[in-house]
Amino acid sequence: MRPEPAAHTLLRIAAPEVLQCDADLPQWVVQELRRAPWVVVRRASARDGLIPVGVRGAARGMRFAAWLAPGEVRQAVHPLELAARRGWRAHPRAARVPALAALGKVEQCLRRMGFGSSWGPTGSVGFELASGCATATPHSDLDLMVQADAPPAGAAAAAALTELVSLPVTVDVLLETPYGAVALAEYVSAPRPILLRTTTGGRLATDPWAPEAAAA
């Protein structure tokens, strides 16, 4: 059986009609998918073998949840692949989009902190790098994920956060544990327990890397 795509993975589809949902697709969803036929895997449990996916619109609040049969996936791109490709280098829109321009410094920072091959862009920047469609704006935040199968050293995590928040763009980082995700900023400075984002919703966890965190 093919493994279910991880959260943040971008999936290219053939047409809006392959999506499954409980109501008719809004017109804006159809228009966005005609322009860029990509959806993103949501952090949710699979349903009847279907992949939980989301469609992003032009505005921050324009998000639509749907389901996708694995056989309808034409291409899958994970954020780690986007980082490995380094598609931001000489990107034609980097001069106008700070979130794109910052990726080179992000790469250098995370490499120094030991996360060199374990990170990738998500959000509008990741979508643009995967799809080739202009999605990020001059005001876009830079959303990142870091694959952290074990708790990162506190000093390294704090140093990375300090350097990232000094960039000329708002940077939001999620640490992806085997059981969900936690915000880097909360991992570094928030008292325990902290919010763990799981496929069944948010929950508080003292140790987001402990197996019981997902079952709490």
C-alpha atoms as a PDB file:
ATOM      1  CA  MET A   1       0.000   0.000   0.000  1.00  0.00           C
ATOM      2  CA  ARG A   2       1.299   3.430  -0.920  1.00  0.00           C
ATOM      3  CA  PRO A   3       2.024   5.591   2.197  1.00  0.00           C
ATOM      4  CA  GLU A   4      -0.277   8.518   2.799  1.00  0.00           C
ATOM      5  CA  PRO A   5       1.343  11.850   1.848  1.00  0.00           C
ATOM      6  CA  ALA A   6       2.508  13.873   4.827  1.00  0.00           C
ATOM      7  CA  ALA A   7       0.992  17.199   5.829  1.00  0.00           C
ATOM      8  CA  HIS A   8       2.276  20.138   3.741  1.00  0.00           C
ATOM      9  CA  THR A   9       2.811  17.925   0.672  1.00  0.00           C
ATOM     10  CA  LEU A  10       1.617  19.622  -2.517  1.00  0.00           C
ATOM     11  CA  LEU A  11      -0.319  17.456  -4.962  1.00  0.00           C
ATOM     12  CA  ARG A  12      -0.993  18.233  -8.598  1.00  0.00           C
ATOM     13  CA  ILE A  13      -4.380  17.076  -9.876  1.00  0.00           C
ATOM     14  CA  ALA A  14      -5.929  16.894 -13.325  1.00  0.00           C
ATOM     15  CA  ALA A  15      -9.060  18.964 -12.712  1.00  0.00           C
ATOM     16  CA  PRO A  16     -11.247  20.359  -9.919  1.00  0.00           C
ATOM     17  CA  GLU A  17     -13.816  17.632 -10.514  1.00  0.00           C
ATOM     18  CA  VAL A  18     -11.567  14.936  -9.027  1.00  0.00           C
ATOM     19  CA  LEU A  19     -11.982  16.448  -5.551  1.00  0.00           C
ATOM     20  CA  GLN A  20     -14.584  14.936  -3.264  1.00  0.00           C
ATOM     21  CA  CYS A  21     -16.513  17.042  -0.769  1.00  0.00           C
ATOM     22  CA  ASP A  22     -19.904  17.250   0.916  1.00  0.00           C
ATOM     23  CA  ALA A  23     -21.117  20.210  -1.149  1.00  0.00           C
ATOM     24  CA  ASP A  24     -20.602  21.778  -4.545  1.00  0.00           C
ATOM     25  CA  LEU A  25     -17.222  23.369  -5.104  1.00  0.00           C
ATOM     26  CA  PRO A  26     -17.348  27.163  -4.671  1.00  0.00           C
ATOM     27  CA  GLN A  27     -16.679  29.034  -7.880  1.00  0.00           C
ATOM     28  CA  TRP A  28     -13.486  30.538  -6.506  1.00  0.00           C
ATOM     29  CA  VAL A  29     -12.127  27.026  -5.859  1.00  0.00           C
ATOM     30  CA  VAL A  30     -12.803  26.015  -9.451  1.00  0.00           C
ATOM     31  CA  GLN A  31     -11.146  29.182 -10.735  1.00  0.00           C
ATOM     32  CA  GLU A  32      -8.060  28.744  -8.557  1.00  0.00           C
ATOM     33  CA  LEU A  33      -7.635  25.125  -9.603  1.00  0.00           C
ATOM     34  CA  ARG A  34      -7.993  26.020 -13.269  1.00  0.00           C
ATOM     35  CA  ARG A  35      -5.168  28.523 -12.749  1.00  0.00           C
ATOM     36  CA  ALA A  36      -2.968  26.241 -10.634  1.00  0.00           C
ATOM     37  CA  PRO A  37      -4.183  22.635 -10.262  1.00  0.00           C
ATOM     38  CA  TRP A  38      -2.451  22.012  -6.923  1.00  0.00           C
ATOM     39  CA  VAL A  39      -3.831  21.130  -3.500  1.00  0.00           C
ATOM     40  CA  VAL A  40      -2.042  20.721  -0.182  1.00  0.00           C
ATOM     41  CA  VAL A  41      -2.335  17.785   2.205  1.00  0.00           C
ATOM     42  CA  ARG A  42      -4.138  18.835   5.383  1.00  0.00           C
ATOM     43  CA  ARG A  43      -3.209  17.652   8.866  1.00  0.00           C
ATOM     44  CA  ALA A  44      -6.217  15.370   9.282  1.00  0.00           C
ATOM     45  CA  SER A  45      -6.965  11.666   9.381  1.00  0.00           C
ATOM     46  CA  ALA A  46      -7.642   9.853   6.121  1.00  0.00           C
ATOM     47  CA  ARG A  47     -11.279   9.026   5.398  1.00  0.00           C
ATOM     48  CA  ASP A  48     -12.211   5.861   3.534  1.00  0.00           C
ATOM     49  CA  GLY A  49      -8.776   5.769   1.934  1.00  0.00           C
ATOM     50  CA  LEU A  50      -9.047   9.371   0.720  1.00  0.00           C
ATOM     51  CA  ILE A  51      -6.340  11.991   1.288  1.00  0.00           C
ATOM     52  CA  PRO A  52      -7.401  15.112   3.239  1.00  0.00           C
ATOM     53  CA  VAL A  53      -6.483  18.117   1.098  1.00  0.00           C
ATOM     54  CA  GLY A  54      -7.046  21.841   1.027  1.00  0.00           C
ATOM     55  CA  VAL A  55      -7.373  24.459  -1.691  1.00  0.00           C
ATOM     56  CA  ARG A  56      -5.922  27.917  -1.110  1.00  0.00           C
ATOM     57  CA  GLY A  57      -7.423  31.087  -2.506  1.00  0.00           C
ATOM     58  CA  ALA A  58      -6.004  34.533  -3.107  1.00  0.00           C
ATOM     59  CA  ALA A  59      -6.974  35.848   0.350  1.00  0.00           C
ATOM     60  CA  ARG A  60      -5.747  34.395   3.649  1.00  0.00           C
ATOM     61  CA  GLY A  61      -9.264  33.374   4.682  1.00  0.00           C
ATOM     62  CA  MET A  62      -9.998  31.585   1.414  1.00  0.00           C
ATOM     63  CA  ARG A  63      -9.366  27.945   2.275  1.00  0.00           C
ATOM     64  CA  PHE A  64     -11.468  24.960   1.241  1.00  0.00           C
ATOM     65  CA  ALA A  65     -11.234  21.433   2.661  1.00  0.00           C
ATOM     66  CA  ALA A  66     -11.826  18.419   0.431  1.00  0.00           C
ATOM     67  CA  TRP A  67     -10.763  14.810  -0.137  1.00  0.00           C
ATOM     68  CA  LEU A  68      -8.767  13.199  -2.912  1.00  0.00           C
ATOM     69  CA  ALA A  69      -8.417   9.615  -4.080  1.00  0.00           C
ATOM     70  CA  PRO A  70      -4.739   8.567  -4.206  1.00  0.00           C
ATOM     71  CA  GLY A  71      -5.129   7.512  -7.834  1.00  0.00           C
ATOM     72  CA  GLU A  72      -5.932  11.098  -8.824  1.00  0.00           C
ATOM     73  CA  VAL A  73      -2.517  12.416  -7.759  1.00  0.00           C
ATOM     74  CA  ARG A  74      -0.482  13.418 -10.819  1.00  0.00           C
ATOM     75  CA  GLN A  75       2.547  14.724  -8.928  1.00  0.00           C
ATOM     76  CA  ALA A  76       3.548  15.073  -5.283  1.00  0.00           C
ATOM     77  CA  VAL A  77       6.117  17.555  -3.957  1.00  0.00           C
ATOM     78  CA  HIS A  78       7.149  17.697  -0.305  1.00  0.00           C
ATOM     79  CA  PRO A  79       8.659  20.866   1.215  1.00  0.00           C
ATOM     80  CA  LEU A  80      11.963  19.047   1.770  1.00  0.00           C
ATOM     81  CA  GLU A  81      12.164  18.528  -1.990  1.00  0.00           C
ATOM     82  CA  LEU A  82      11.532  22.217  -2.592  1.00  0.00           C
ATOM     83  CA  ALA A  83      14.424  23.121  -0.296  1.00  0.00           C
ATOM     84  CA  ALA A  84      16.699  20.617  -2.032  1.00  0.00           C
ATOM     85  CA  ARG A  85      15.852  22.106  -5.437  1.00  0.00           C
ATOM     86  CA  ARG A  86      16.730  25.663  -4.283  1.00  0.00           C
ATOM     87  CA  GLY A  87      14.285  27.110  -6.783  1.00  0.00           C
ATOM     88  CA  TRP A  88      14.502  30.518  -5.100  1.00  0.00           C
ATOM     89  CA  ARG A  89      17.951  31.102  -6.559  1.00  0.00           C
ATOM     90  CA  ALA A  90      17.682  33.759  -9.277  1.00  0.00           C
ATOM     91  CA  HIS A  91      13.901  33.634  -8.854  1.00  0.00           C
ATOM     92  CA  PRO A  92      12.428  36.379 -11.068  1.00  0.00           C
ATOM     93  CA  ARG A  93      10.143  37.651  -8.279  1.00  0.00           C
ATOM     94  CA  ALA A  94      12.606  37.583  -5.379  1.00  0.00           C
ATOM     95  CA  ALA A  95      13.292  41.333  -5.617  1.00  0.00           C
ATOM     96  CA  ARG A  96       9.578  42.019  -5.073  1.00  0.00           C
ATOM     97  CA  VAL A  97       8.752  39.264  -2.577  1.00  0.00           C
ATOM     98  CA  PRO A  98      10.830  39.375   0.639  1.00  0.00           C
ATOM     99  CA  ALA A  99       9.682  35.895   1.654  1.00  0.00           C
ATOM    100  CA  LEU A 100      11.301  34.459  -1.493  1.00  0.00           C
ATOM    101  CA  ALA A 101      14.416  36.583  -1.136  1.00  0.00           C
ATOM    102  CA  ALA A 102      14.949  35.394   2.454  1.00  0.00           C
ATOM    103  CA  LEU A 103      15.194  31.693   1.602  1.00  0.00           C
ATOM    104  CA  GLY A 104      18.931  31.808   0.917  1.00  0.00           C
ATOM    105  CA  LYS A 105      19.616  33.170   4.399  1.00  0.00           C
ATOM    106  CA  VAL A 106      17.160  30.673   5.882  1.00  0.00           C
ATOM    107  CA  GLU A 107      19.077  27.834   4.267  1.00  0.00           C
ATOM    108  CA  GLN A 108      22.389  29.107   5.644  1.00  0.00           C
ATOM    109  CA  CYS A 109      20.951  29.552   9.126  1.00  0.00           C
ATOM    110  CA  LEU A 110      19.340  26.125   9.341  1.00  0.00           C
ATOM    111  CA  ARG A 111      22.418  24.426   7.943  1.00  0.00           C
ATOM    112  CA  ARG A 112      24.583  25.985  10.658  1.00  0.00           C
ATOM    113  CA  MET A 113      22.118  24.828  13.282  1.00  0.00           C
ATOM    114  CA  GLY A 114      22.156  21.232  12.057  1.00  0.00           C
ATOM    115  CA  PHE A 115      18.852  21.287  10.144  1.00  0.00           C
ATOM    116  CA  GLY A 116      20.404  21.556   6.684  1.00  0.00           C
ATOM    117  CA  SER A 117      18.489  18.780   4.895  1.00  0.00           C
ATOM    118  CA  SER A 118      15.473  18.698   7.202  1.00  0.00           C
ATOM    119  CA  TRP A 119      13.540  21.839   6.329  1.00  0.00           C
ATOM    120  CA  GLY A 120      11.343  23.207   3.579  1.00  0.00           C
ATOM    121  CA  PRO A 121       9.053  26.124   2.690  1.00  0.00           C
ATOM    122  CA  THR A 122       5.306  25.772   3.039  1.00  0.00           C
ATOM    123  CA  GLY A 123       2.441  28.249   2.666  1.00  0.00           C
ATOM    124  CA  SER A 124       2.291  30.630  -0.281  1.00  0.00           C
ATOM    125  CA  VAL A 125       6.054  30.462  -0.917  1.00  0.00           C
ATOM    126  CA  GLY A 126       6.073  26.679  -1.053  1.00  0.00           C
ATOM    127  CA  PHE A 127       3.027  26.729  -3.305  1.00  0.00           C
ATOM    128  CA  GLU A 128       4.696  29.136  -5.719  1.00  0.00           C
ATOM    129  CA  LEU A 129       7.923  27.144  -5.858  1.00  0.00           C
ATOM    130  CA  ALA A 130       6.039  23.906  -6.541  1.00  0.00           C
ATOM    131  CA  SER A 131       3.445  25.192  -8.994  1.00  0.00           C
ATOM    132  CA  GLY A 132       5.358  27.949 -10.763  1.00  0.00           C
ATOM    133  CA  CYS A 133       2.358  30.252 -10.310  1.00  0.00           C
ATOM    134  CA  ALA A 134       2.812  33.652  -8.681  1.00  0.00           C
ATOM    135  CA  THR A 135       1.195  33.179  -5.282  1.00  0.00           C
ATOM    136  CA  ALA A 136       3.323  34.918  -2.650  1.00  0.00           C
ATOM    137  CA  THR A 137       2.939  38.678  -2.276  1.00  0.00           C
ATOM    138  CA  PRO A 138       5.266  41.392  -0.952  1.00  0.00           C
ATOM    139  CA  HIS A 139       3.429  41.047   2.366  1.00  0.00           C
ATOM    140  CA  SER A 140       3.484  37.227   2.627  1.00  0.00           C
ATOM    141  CA  ASP A 141       4.883  35.563   5.721  1.00  0.00           C
ATOM    142  CA  LEU A 142       7.514  32.897   5.242  1.00  0.00           C
ATOM    143  CA  ASP A 143       6.128  29.593   6.539  1.00  0.00           C
ATOM    144  CA  LEU A 144       8.631  26.787   7.114  1.00  0.00           C
ATOM    145  CA  MET A 145       8.620  23.224   8.393  1.00  0.00           C
ATOM    146  CA  VAL A 146      11.551  21.418  10.005  1.00  0.00           C
ATOM    147  CA  GLN A 147      11.507  17.631  10.162  1.00  0.00           C
ATOM    148  CA  ALA A 148      12.531  16.871  13.733  1.00  0.00           C
ATOM    149  CA  ASP A 149      12.345  13.148  14.462  1.00  0.00           C
ATOM    150  CA  ALA A 150      14.030  13.815  17.814  1.00  0.00           C
ATOM    151  CA  PRO A 151      13.928  16.925  20.014  1.00  0.00           C
ATOM    152  CA  PRO A 152      16.454  19.476  18.731  1.00  0.00           C
ATOM    153  CA  ALA A 153      18.998  20.778  21.202  1.00  0.00           C
ATOM    154  CA  GLY A 154      17.550  23.746  23.036  1.00  0.00           C
ATOM    155  CA  ALA A 155      20.541  25.964  22.294  1.00  0.00           C
ATOM    156  CA  ALA A 156      20.440  25.225  18.568  1.00  0.00           C
ATOM    157  CA  ALA A 157      16.682  25.778  18.384  1.00  0.00           C
ATOM    158  CA  ALA A 158      16.948  29.078  20.258  1.00  0.00           C
ATOM    159  CA  ALA A 159      19.821  30.280  18.075  1.00  0.00           C
ATOM    160  CA  ALA A 160      17.918  29.388  14.915  1.00  0.00           C
ATOM    161  CA  LEU A 161      14.819  31.220  16.133  1.00  0.00           C
ATOM    162  CA  THR A 162      16.830  34.327  17.044  1.00  0.00           C
ATOM    163  CA  GLU A 163      18.406  34.474  13.597  1.00  0.00           C
ATOM    164  CA  LEU A 164      15.185  33.760  11.731  1.00  0.00           C
ATOM    165  CA  VAL A 165      13.156  36.432  13.513  1.00  0.00           C
ATOM    166  CA  SER A 166      15.839  38.979  12.581  1.00  0.00           C
ATOM    167  CA  LEU A 167      15.080  38.547   8.866  1.00  0.00           C
ATOM    168  CA  PRO A 168      13.106  41.296   7.095  1.00  0.00           C
ATOM    169  CA  VAL A 169      10.030  39.083   6.838  1.00  0.00           C
ATOM    170  CA  THR A 170       7.785  37.361   9.371  1.00  0.00           C
ATOM    171  CA  VAL A 171       8.954  33.754   9.684  1.00  0.00           C
ATOM    172  CA  ASP A 172       6.769  31.007  11.172  1.00  0.00           C
ATOM    173  CA  VAL A 173       8.402  27.618  11.766  1.00  0.00           C
ATOM    174  CA  LEU A 174       6.746  24.319  12.646  1.00  0.00           C
ATOM    175  CA  LEU A 175       8.800  21.468  14.081  1.00  0.00           C
ATOM    176  CA  GLU A 176       7.343  18.241  12.685  1.00  0.00           C
ATOM    177  CA  THR A 177       7.594  15.475  15.280  1.00  0.00           C
ATOM    178  CA  PRO A 178       6.561  11.850  14.636  1.00  0.00           C
ATOM    179  CA  TYR A 179       3.263  12.648  16.369  1.00  0.00           C
ATOM    180  CA  GLY A 180       2.367  16.119  15.133  1.00  0.00           C
ATOM    181  CA  ALA A 181       3.855  19.597  14.981  1.00  0.00           C
ATOM    182  CA  VAL A 182       4.825  22.319  17.421  1.00  0.00           C
ATOM    183  CA  ALA A 183       5.749  25.934  16.742  1.00  0.00           C
ATOM    184  CA  LEU A 184       9.471  26.560  17.070  1.00  0.00           C
ATOM    185  CA  ALA A 185       8.778  29.766  18.999  1.00  0.00           C
ATOM    186  CA  GLU A 186       6.710  27.850  21.559  1.00  0.00           C
ATOM    187  CA  TYR A 187       9.243  25.027  21.807  1.00  0.00           C
ATOM    188  CA  VAL A 188      11.983  27.535  22.622  1.00  0.00           C
ATOM    189  CA  SER A 189      10.205  29.823  25.069  1.00  0.00           C
ATOM    190  CA  ALA A 190       6.739  28.671  26.097  1.00  0.00           C
ATOM    191  CA  PRO A 191       6.177  26.834  29.384  1.00  0.00           C
ATOM    192  CA  ARG A 192       5.146  23.196  29.151  1.00  0.00           C
ATOM    193  CA  PRO A 193       2.777  21.788  28.133  1.00  0.00           C
ATOM    194  CA  ILE A 194       2.715  23.269  24.640  1.00  0.00           C
ATOM    195  CA  LEU A 195       0.289  22.901  21.742  1.00  0.00           C
ATOM    196  CA  LEU A 196       0.831  19.833  19.565  1.00  0.00           C
ATOM    197  CA  ARG A 197      -1.003  19.897  16.232  1.00  0.00           C
ATOM    198  CA  THR A 198      -2.118  16.356  15.359  1.00  0.00           C
ATOM    199  CA  THR A 199      -4.306  14.725  12.709  1.00  0.00           C
ATOM    200  CA  THR A 200      -7.167  14.678  15.226  1.00  0.00           C
ATOM    201  CA  GLY A 201      -6.788  18.264  16.384  1.00  0.00           C
ATOM    202  CA  GLY A 202      -4.683  20.303  18.770  1.00  0.00           C
ATOM    203  CA  ARG A 203      -3.737  19.028  22.211  1.00  0.00           C
ATOM    204  CA  LEU A 204      -1.355  20.009  24.978  1.00  0.00           C
ATOM    205  CA  ALA A 205       1.791  17.927  25.344  1.00  0.00           C
ATOM    206  CA  THR A 206       4.639  18.092  27.811  1.00  0.00           C
ATOM    207  CA  ASP A 207       6.884  16.114  25.442  1.00  0.00           C
ATOM    208  CA  PRO A 208       5.747  16.340  21.790  1.00  0.00           C
ATOM    209  CA  TRP A 209       8.167  13.518  20.904  1.00  0.00           C
ATOM    210  CA  ALA A 210       6.697  10.993  23.342  1.00  0.00           C
ATOM    211  CA  PRO A 211       4.330   8.347  21.901  1.00  0.00           C
ATOM    212  CA  GLU A 212       1.712   9.212  24.494  1.00  0.00           C
ATOM    213  CA  ALA A 213       1.570  12.768  23.096  1.00  0.00           C
ATOM    214  CA  ALA A 214      -0.496  11.580  20.129  1.00  0.00           C
ATOM    215  CA  ALA A 215      -2.813   9.525  22.320  1.00  0.00           C
ATOM    216  CA  ALA A 216      -3.343  12.011  25.118  1.00  0.00           C
END
